[in-house]
Each structure stands twice: as C-alpha cells, then as structure tokens.
C-alpha cells in the first residue's frame, strides 16, 4: 500500500535538513545514518556511494525509514517507512550534485573520491507518521 506525504510536511524535504536513514543490518539490528534526501513527488530519494553498509542493507533487505525533524520546531517531523523500489547509478551523479546545491550551495558534490560510484535509491512510502 502506498502512503502519501501530506502537503503540510513536504516543506521538510525542500529544506536542507539532515535526515536520519534507518536500514536493517544482516543480523536484524538497525543501522541509522545521517543523509541528504529529497522527495520527487512519489519517492523519497537518497544517495550514497556503492559498497557502503547502507548500500548493502538496502540492496539485500529492500526496506528503509527516513526521519526528518524541523530544526526550528522539533515537534514538527515526518517519518517515512517504505520499500526501496529502485537502486540505480543512472542519474546518481546529477542527483548528488543537486543535493550538494541544496545542502551546501555548491554546484558539484565536493566530497567525491576518484574511484567512487554514486548510487540513487528511491524509497516508496508505505507508512507515513507525522507530528506538528
């Protein structure tokens, strides 16, 4: 079942708010990482380098949760639980550059390493919980 992101909380995805991304480790324990993200109208999108633990977790288990909290009002937040429905390198470089513009004001992602392959993950919301 697909869940909707309420209009009242879409603004959180438009701001440069560091999100918490929760994935599931092979032993069933949660792993939580700070990430940049955005919302394309259907999917919450995150970006990482291939081979990182969150990359492996999303590929192997296919579920993720993203939490964004308004830094000006910690009682205004959104939690999106969903399935990782697409994992691709297509468009991943452009996506991380767009996120760098949003979060850093930079046209290009400045932390890329020469051997790094960027990966774009699309999370389809299945459950959305909000506050505020």
N, C-alpha and C. Protein backbone atom coordinates (compact mmCIF):
# COMPACT_ATOMS: atom_id res chain seq x y z
N UNK A 1 0.84 -1.18 0.00
CA UNK A 1 0.00 0.00 0.00
C UNK A 1 0.89 1.25 0.00
N UNK A 2 0.59 2.16 -0.87
CA UNK A 2 1.35 3.40 -0.97
C UNK A 2 0.74 4.44 -0.03
N UNK A 3 1.61 5.12 0.71
CA UNK A 3 1.17 6.18 1.61
C UNK A 3 1.55 7.53 1.00
N UNK A 4 0.80 8.55 1.36
CA UNK A 4 1.04 9.89 0.84
C UNK A 4 1.82 10.73 1.83
N UNK A 5 2.64 11.61 1.28
CA UNK A 5 3.31 12.62 2.10
C UNK A 5 2.36 13.80 2.18
N UNK A 6 1.92 14.20 3.37
CA UNK A 6 0.99 15.32 3.47
C UNK A 6 1.63 16.62 2.98
N UNK A 7 0.84 17.46 2.34
CA UNK A 7 1.33 18.75 1.86
C UNK A 7 1.96 19.56 3.00
N UNK A 8 1.41 19.43 4.20
CA UNK A 8 1.91 20.18 5.35
C UNK A 8 3.36 19.83 5.69
N UNK A 9 3.80 18.65 5.29
CA UNK A 9 5.15 18.20 5.66
C UNK A 9 6.11 18.08 4.48
N UNK A 10 5.62 18.33 3.27
CA UNK A 10 6.51 18.30 2.09
C UNK A 10 7.60 19.36 2.20
N UNK A 11 7.31 20.44 2.91
CA UNK A 11 8.30 21.51 3.06
C UNK A 11 9.58 21.01 3.74
N UNK A 12 9.47 19.99 4.58
CA UNK A 12 10.66 19.46 5.24
C UNK A 12 11.66 18.91 4.21
N UNK A 13 11.15 18.35 3.12
CA UNK A 13 12.02 17.81 2.07
C UNK A 13 12.64 18.91 1.21
N UNK A 14 12.07 20.10 1.26
CA UNK A 14 12.57 21.21 0.46
C UNK A 14 13.69 21.96 1.17
N UNK A 15 13.79 21.78 2.47
CA UNK A 15 14.81 22.46 3.26
C UNK A 15 16.06 21.59 3.37
N UNK A 16 17.21 22.21 3.64
CA UNK A 16 18.44 21.43 3.81
C UNK A 16 18.53 20.80 5.21
N UNK A 17 17.58 19.93 5.50
CA UNK A 17 17.54 19.24 6.79
C UNK A 17 18.22 17.89 6.64
N UNK A 18 19.16 17.62 7.52
CA UNK A 18 19.82 16.32 7.53
C UNK A 18 18.81 15.29 8.02
N UNK A 19 18.59 14.27 7.22
CA UNK A 19 17.64 13.21 7.57
C UNK A 19 18.36 12.07 8.27
N UNK A 20 17.62 11.28 9.00
CA UNK A 20 18.12 10.03 9.56
C UNK A 20 17.57 8.91 8.69
N UNK A 21 18.47 8.09 8.16
CA UNK A 21 18.10 6.94 7.33
C UNK A 21 18.35 5.68 8.13
N UNK A 22 17.29 4.91 8.37
CA UNK A 22 17.41 3.64 9.09
C UNK A 22 17.27 2.49 8.10
N UNK A 23 18.23 1.57 8.17
CA UNK A 23 18.19 0.35 7.37
C UNK A 23 18.42 -0.82 8.32
N UNK A 24 18.33 -2.03 7.78
CA UNK A 24 18.44 -3.22 8.62
C UNK A 24 19.72 -3.98 8.27
N UNK A 25 20.53 -4.23 9.29
CA UNK A 25 21.79 -4.97 9.14
C UNK A 25 21.49 -6.45 8.92
N UNK A 26 22.48 -7.23 8.45
CA UNK A 26 22.26 -8.66 8.23
C UNK A 26 21.80 -9.41 9.48
N UNK A 27 22.21 -8.95 10.67
CA UNK A 27 21.80 -9.62 11.91
C UNK A 27 20.46 -9.12 12.44
N UNK A 28 19.79 -8.24 11.69
CA UNK A 28 18.48 -7.74 12.09
C UNK A 28 18.51 -6.47 12.90
N UNK A 29 19.68 -6.01 13.28
CA UNK A 29 19.78 -4.77 14.05
C UNK A 29 19.65 -3.57 13.12
N UNK A 30 19.14 -2.46 13.66
CA UNK A 30 19.03 -1.26 12.82
C UNK A 30 20.38 -0.57 12.66
N UNK A 31 20.54 0.06 11.52
CA UNK A 31 21.66 0.97 11.29
C UNK A 31 21.04 2.31 10.92
N UNK A 32 21.50 3.38 11.54
CA UNK A 32 20.96 4.71 11.27
C UNK A 32 22.11 5.63 10.87
N UNK A 33 21.92 6.32 9.75
CA UNK A 33 22.93 7.24 9.23
C UNK A 33 22.32 8.59 8.92
N UNK A 34 23.08 9.68 9.13
CA UNK A 34 22.63 10.98 8.64
C UNK A 34 22.81 11.02 7.13
N UNK A 35 21.80 11.50 6.42
CA UNK A 35 21.87 11.57 4.95
C UNK A 35 21.20 12.84 4.44
N UNK A 36 21.55 13.18 3.22
CA UNK A 36 20.80 14.18 2.47
C UNK A 36 19.70 13.45 1.72
N UNK A 37 18.57 14.11 1.53
CA UNK A 37 17.49 13.47 0.79
C UNK A 37 16.62 14.52 0.12
N UNK A 38 15.74 14.04 -0.75
CA UNK A 38 14.71 14.89 -1.35
C UNK A 38 13.49 14.03 -1.65
N UNK A 39 12.46 14.67 -2.16
CA UNK A 39 11.21 13.99 -2.48
C UNK A 39 10.83 14.39 -3.90
N UNK A 40 10.61 13.41 -4.77
CA UNK A 40 10.32 13.72 -6.18
C UNK A 40 8.83 13.74 -6.51
N UNK A 41 8.00 13.73 -5.47
CA UNK A 41 6.55 13.71 -5.67
C UNK A 41 5.97 12.33 -5.49
N UNK A 42 6.81 11.31 -5.60
CA UNK A 42 6.40 9.92 -5.39
C UNK A 42 7.33 9.20 -4.43
N UNK A 43 8.62 9.40 -4.60
CA UNK A 43 9.63 8.68 -3.82
C UNK A 43 10.47 9.62 -2.96
N UNK A 44 10.86 9.14 -1.79
CA UNK A 44 11.94 9.78 -1.05
C UNK A 44 13.22 9.25 -1.68
N UNK A 45 14.14 10.17 -2.01
CA UNK A 45 15.36 9.76 -2.69
C UNK A 45 16.58 10.08 -1.83
N UNK A 46 17.45 9.09 -1.70
CA UNK A 46 18.72 9.27 -1.01
C UNK A 46 19.82 8.82 -1.95
N UNK A 47 21.05 9.16 -1.59
CA UNK A 47 22.19 8.91 -2.45
C UNK A 47 23.34 8.47 -1.57
N UNK A 48 24.11 7.51 -2.05
CA UNK A 48 25.27 7.03 -1.30
C UNK A 48 26.32 6.52 -2.28
N UNK A 49 27.46 6.16 -1.74
CA UNK A 49 28.49 5.52 -2.56
C UNK A 49 28.27 4.02 -2.51
N UNK A 50 28.50 3.37 -3.64
CA UNK A 50 28.37 1.91 -3.72
C UNK A 50 29.31 1.26 -2.71
N UNK A 51 28.84 0.18 -2.10
CA UNK A 51 29.66 -0.59 -1.19
C UNK A 51 29.55 -0.21 0.27
N UNK A 52 28.95 0.91 0.57
CA UNK A 52 28.78 1.29 1.98
C UNK A 52 27.73 0.38 2.61
N UNK A 53 27.74 0.33 3.94
CA UNK A 53 26.83 -0.57 4.64
C UNK A 53 25.37 -0.29 4.31
N UNK A 54 24.99 0.99 4.26
CA UNK A 54 23.59 1.31 3.94
C UNK A 54 23.23 0.85 2.53
N UNK A 55 24.21 0.93 1.61
CA UNK A 55 24.02 0.43 0.25
C UNK A 55 23.73 -1.07 0.29
N UNK A 56 24.54 -1.80 1.00
CA UNK A 56 24.34 -3.25 1.11
C UNK A 56 23.01 -3.58 1.77
N UNK A 57 22.69 -2.86 2.85
CA UNK A 57 21.44 -3.12 3.57
C UNK A 57 20.21 -2.91 2.68
N UNK A 58 20.21 -1.81 1.92
CA UNK A 58 19.05 -1.54 1.07
C UNK A 58 18.97 -2.52 -0.09
N UNK A 59 20.11 -2.94 -0.63
CA UNK A 59 20.10 -3.93 -1.71
C UNK A 59 19.64 -5.30 -1.21
N UNK A 60 20.10 -5.69 -0.04
CA UNK A 60 19.82 -7.04 0.46
C UNK A 60 18.46 -7.18 1.12
N UNK A 61 17.97 -6.13 1.77
CA UNK A 61 16.71 -6.24 2.50
C UNK A 61 15.60 -5.38 1.93
N UNK A 62 15.93 -4.32 1.23
CA UNK A 62 14.93 -3.58 0.47
C UNK A 62 13.96 -2.72 1.24
N UNK A 63 14.27 -2.42 2.49
CA UNK A 63 13.41 -1.54 3.28
C UNK A 63 14.25 -0.43 3.89
N UNK A 64 13.61 0.72 4.11
CA UNK A 64 14.30 1.84 4.75
C UNK A 64 13.27 2.76 5.39
N UNK A 65 13.73 3.49 6.38
CA UNK A 65 12.92 4.52 7.02
C UNK A 65 13.71 5.81 7.02
N UNK A 66 13.04 6.91 6.69
CA UNK A 66 13.66 8.23 6.69
C UNK A 66 12.89 9.11 7.67
N UNK A 67 13.64 9.80 8.52
CA UNK A 67 13.06 10.72 9.50
C UNK A 67 13.65 12.10 9.29
N UNK A 68 12.78 13.10 9.16
CA UNK A 68 13.22 14.49 9.09
C UNK A 68 12.54 15.26 10.21
N UNK A 69 13.33 16.04 10.94
CA UNK A 69 12.84 16.85 12.05
C UNK A 69 13.18 18.30 11.76
N UNK A 70 12.19 19.16 11.86
CA UNK A 70 12.40 20.59 11.66
C UNK A 70 13.31 21.12 12.77
N UNK A 71 14.48 21.67 12.44
CA UNK A 71 15.38 22.15 13.49
C UNK A 71 14.85 23.36 14.24
N UNK A 72 13.87 24.06 13.66
CA UNK A 72 13.27 25.22 14.32
C UNK A 72 12.12 24.83 15.24
N UNK A 73 11.58 23.62 15.05
CA UNK A 73 10.45 23.14 15.86
C UNK A 73 10.53 21.62 15.89
N UNK A 74 11.17 21.08 16.92
CA UNK A 74 11.42 19.64 16.98
C UNK A 74 10.14 18.81 17.12
N UNK A 75 9.01 19.48 17.31
CA UNK A 75 7.74 18.76 17.37
C UNK A 75 7.07 18.65 15.99
N UNK A 76 7.74 19.18 14.98
CA UNK A 76 7.26 19.11 13.59
C UNK A 76 8.21 18.19 12.83
N UNK A 77 7.73 16.98 12.53
CA UNK A 77 8.59 15.99 11.89
C UNK A 77 7.78 15.03 11.04
N UNK A 78 8.51 14.27 10.22
CA UNK A 78 7.89 13.24 9.40
C UNK A 78 8.78 12.00 9.40
N UNK A 79 8.14 10.86 9.53
CA UNK A 79 8.81 9.57 9.40
C UNK A 79 8.18 8.86 8.20
N UNK A 80 9.02 8.41 7.29
CA UNK A 80 8.55 7.70 6.09
C UNK A 80 9.17 6.31 6.09
N UNK A 81 8.31 5.31 6.18
CA UNK A 81 8.77 3.92 6.10
C UNK A 81 8.39 3.39 4.73
N UNK A 82 9.31 2.68 4.10
CA UNK A 82 8.96 2.20 2.77
C UNK A 82 9.89 1.17 2.21
N UNK A 83 9.55 0.79 0.97
CA UNK A 83 10.35 -0.18 0.21
C UNK A 83 11.28 0.59 -0.71
N UNK A 84 12.49 0.08 -0.82
CA UNK A 84 13.44 0.63 -1.78
C UNK A 84 13.09 -0.02 -3.12
N UNK A 85 12.42 0.74 -3.97
CA UNK A 85 11.88 0.18 -5.21
C UNK A 85 12.81 0.36 -6.41
N UNK A 86 13.80 1.22 -6.25
CA UNK A 86 14.77 1.38 -7.33
C UNK A 86 16.12 1.72 -6.74
N UNK A 87 17.13 1.03 -7.24
CA UNK A 87 18.53 1.28 -6.89
C UNK A 87 19.26 1.39 -8.22
N UNK A 88 19.84 2.56 -8.49
CA UNK A 88 20.43 2.77 -9.81
C UNK A 88 21.62 3.73 -9.74
N UNK A 89 22.52 3.56 -10.68
CA UNK A 89 23.59 4.53 -10.85
C UNK A 89 23.19 5.59 -11.88
N UNK A 90 22.16 5.29 -12.67
CA UNK A 90 21.68 6.25 -13.67
C UNK A 90 21.13 7.49 -12.97
N UNK A 91 21.69 8.62 -13.27
CA UNK A 91 21.24 9.87 -12.67
C UNK A 91 21.77 10.12 -11.27
N UNK A 92 22.55 9.20 -10.72
CA UNK A 92 23.03 9.34 -9.35
C UNK A 92 24.02 10.49 -9.20
N UNK A 93 24.89 10.69 -10.18
CA UNK A 93 25.85 11.80 -10.10
C UNK A 93 25.12 13.14 -10.15
N UNK A 94 24.16 13.27 -11.04
CA UNK A 94 23.38 14.52 -11.13
C UNK A 94 22.58 14.74 -9.84
N UNK A 95 22.07 13.65 -9.26
CA UNK A 95 21.30 13.76 -8.03
C UNK A 95 22.16 14.24 -6.87
N UNK A 96 23.37 13.67 -6.71
CA UNK A 96 24.22 14.11 -5.59
C UNK A 96 24.66 15.56 -5.80
N UNK A 97 24.83 15.97 -7.05
CA UNK A 97 25.16 17.38 -7.31
C UNK A 97 23.99 18.29 -6.96
N UNK A 98 22.77 17.86 -7.25
CA UNK A 98 21.58 18.64 -6.88
C UNK A 98 21.46 18.73 -5.36
N UNK A 99 21.76 17.63 -4.67
CA UNK A 99 21.72 17.66 -3.21
C UNK A 99 22.82 18.56 -2.65
N UNK A 100 24.00 18.58 -3.28
CA UNK A 100 25.08 19.46 -2.85
C UNK A 100 24.65 20.92 -2.99
N UNK A 101 23.91 21.23 -4.05
CA UNK A 101 23.40 22.59 -4.23
C UNK A 101 22.42 22.94 -3.11
N UNK A 102 21.54 22.01 -2.80
CA UNK A 102 20.53 22.22 -1.76
C UNK A 102 21.17 22.36 -0.37
N UNK A 103 22.09 21.48 -0.05
CA UNK A 103 22.64 21.43 1.31
C UNK A 103 23.87 22.31 1.52
N UNK A 104 24.66 22.52 0.47
CA UNK A 104 25.92 23.26 0.63
C UNK A 104 26.00 24.54 -0.20
N UNK A 105 25.08 24.69 -1.16
CA UNK A 105 25.17 25.81 -2.07
C UNK A 105 26.25 25.62 -3.12
N UNK A 106 26.72 24.40 -3.30
CA UNK A 106 27.77 24.06 -4.27
C UNK A 106 27.13 23.44 -5.51
N UNK A 107 27.68 23.76 -6.68
CA UNK A 107 27.15 23.18 -7.92
C UNK A 107 27.52 21.72 -8.09
N UNK A 108 28.67 21.33 -7.55
CA UNK A 108 29.16 19.95 -7.64
C UNK A 108 29.40 19.41 -6.24
N UNK A 109 29.11 18.14 -6.05
CA UNK A 109 29.37 17.47 -4.78
C UNK A 109 30.88 17.47 -4.53
N UNK A 110 31.37 18.14 -3.48
CA UNK A 110 32.81 18.33 -3.31
C UNK A 110 33.55 17.17 -2.63
N UNK A 111 32.85 16.17 -2.15
CA UNK A 111 33.49 15.11 -1.37
C UNK A 111 33.66 13.81 -2.15
N UNK A 112 33.41 13.84 -3.41
CA UNK A 112 33.53 12.64 -4.25
C UNK A 112 34.99 12.21 -4.32
N UNK A 113 35.22 10.90 -4.24
CA UNK A 113 36.57 10.36 -4.42
C UNK A 113 36.68 9.81 -5.84
N UNK A 114 37.90 9.73 -6.37
CA UNK A 114 38.07 9.34 -7.78
C UNK A 114 37.48 7.97 -8.14
N UNK A 115 37.52 7.02 -7.22
CA UNK A 115 37.05 5.66 -7.52
C UNK A 115 35.61 5.41 -7.08
N UNK A 116 34.92 6.46 -6.67
CA UNK A 116 33.59 6.33 -6.09
C UNK A 116 32.51 6.19 -7.17
N UNK A 117 31.58 5.27 -6.94
CA UNK A 117 30.39 5.14 -7.78
C UNK A 117 29.20 5.57 -6.95
N UNK A 118 28.48 6.58 -7.40
CA UNK A 118 27.31 7.06 -6.67
C UNK A 118 26.10 6.21 -7.04
N UNK A 119 25.22 6.03 -6.05
CA UNK A 119 24.02 5.21 -6.22
C UNK A 119 22.82 6.02 -5.72
N UNK A 120 21.75 5.98 -6.48
CA UNK A 120 20.49 6.66 -6.15
C UNK A 120 19.48 5.61 -5.72
N UNK A 121 18.84 5.84 -4.58
CA UNK A 121 17.84 4.92 -4.03
C UNK A 121 16.50 5.64 -3.99
N UNK A 122 15.48 4.98 -4.49
CA UNK A 122 14.13 5.53 -4.44
C UNK A 122 13.30 4.70 -3.48
N UNK A 123 12.78 5.37 -2.45
CA UNK A 123 12.01 4.72 -1.41
C UNK A 123 10.54 5.08 -1.61
N UNK A 124 9.71 4.08 -1.81
CA UNK A 124 8.28 4.28 -1.99
C UNK A 124 7.61 4.26 -0.62
N UNK A 125 6.98 5.37 -0.21
CA UNK A 125 6.36 5.41 1.12
C UNK A 125 5.23 4.38 1.26
N UNK A 126 5.30 3.59 2.33
CA UNK A 126 4.23 2.64 2.66
C UNK A 126 3.53 3.03 3.95
N UNK A 127 4.24 3.72 4.81
CA UNK A 127 3.65 4.22 6.06
C UNK A 127 4.29 5.56 6.34
N UNK A 128 3.47 6.55 6.64
CA UNK A 128 3.94 7.90 6.95
C UNK A 128 3.36 8.30 8.30
N UNK A 129 4.23 8.75 9.18
CA UNK A 129 3.83 9.23 10.50
C UNK A 129 4.32 10.67 10.62
N UNK A 130 3.46 11.56 11.09
CA UNK A 130 3.84 12.96 11.22
C UNK A 130 3.49 13.49 12.60
N UNK A 131 4.14 14.60 12.93
CA UNK A 131 3.81 15.34 14.14
C UNK A 131 3.87 16.82 13.80
N UNK A 132 3.01 17.58 14.42
CA UNK A 132 3.03 19.02 14.24
C UNK A 132 2.10 19.53 13.18
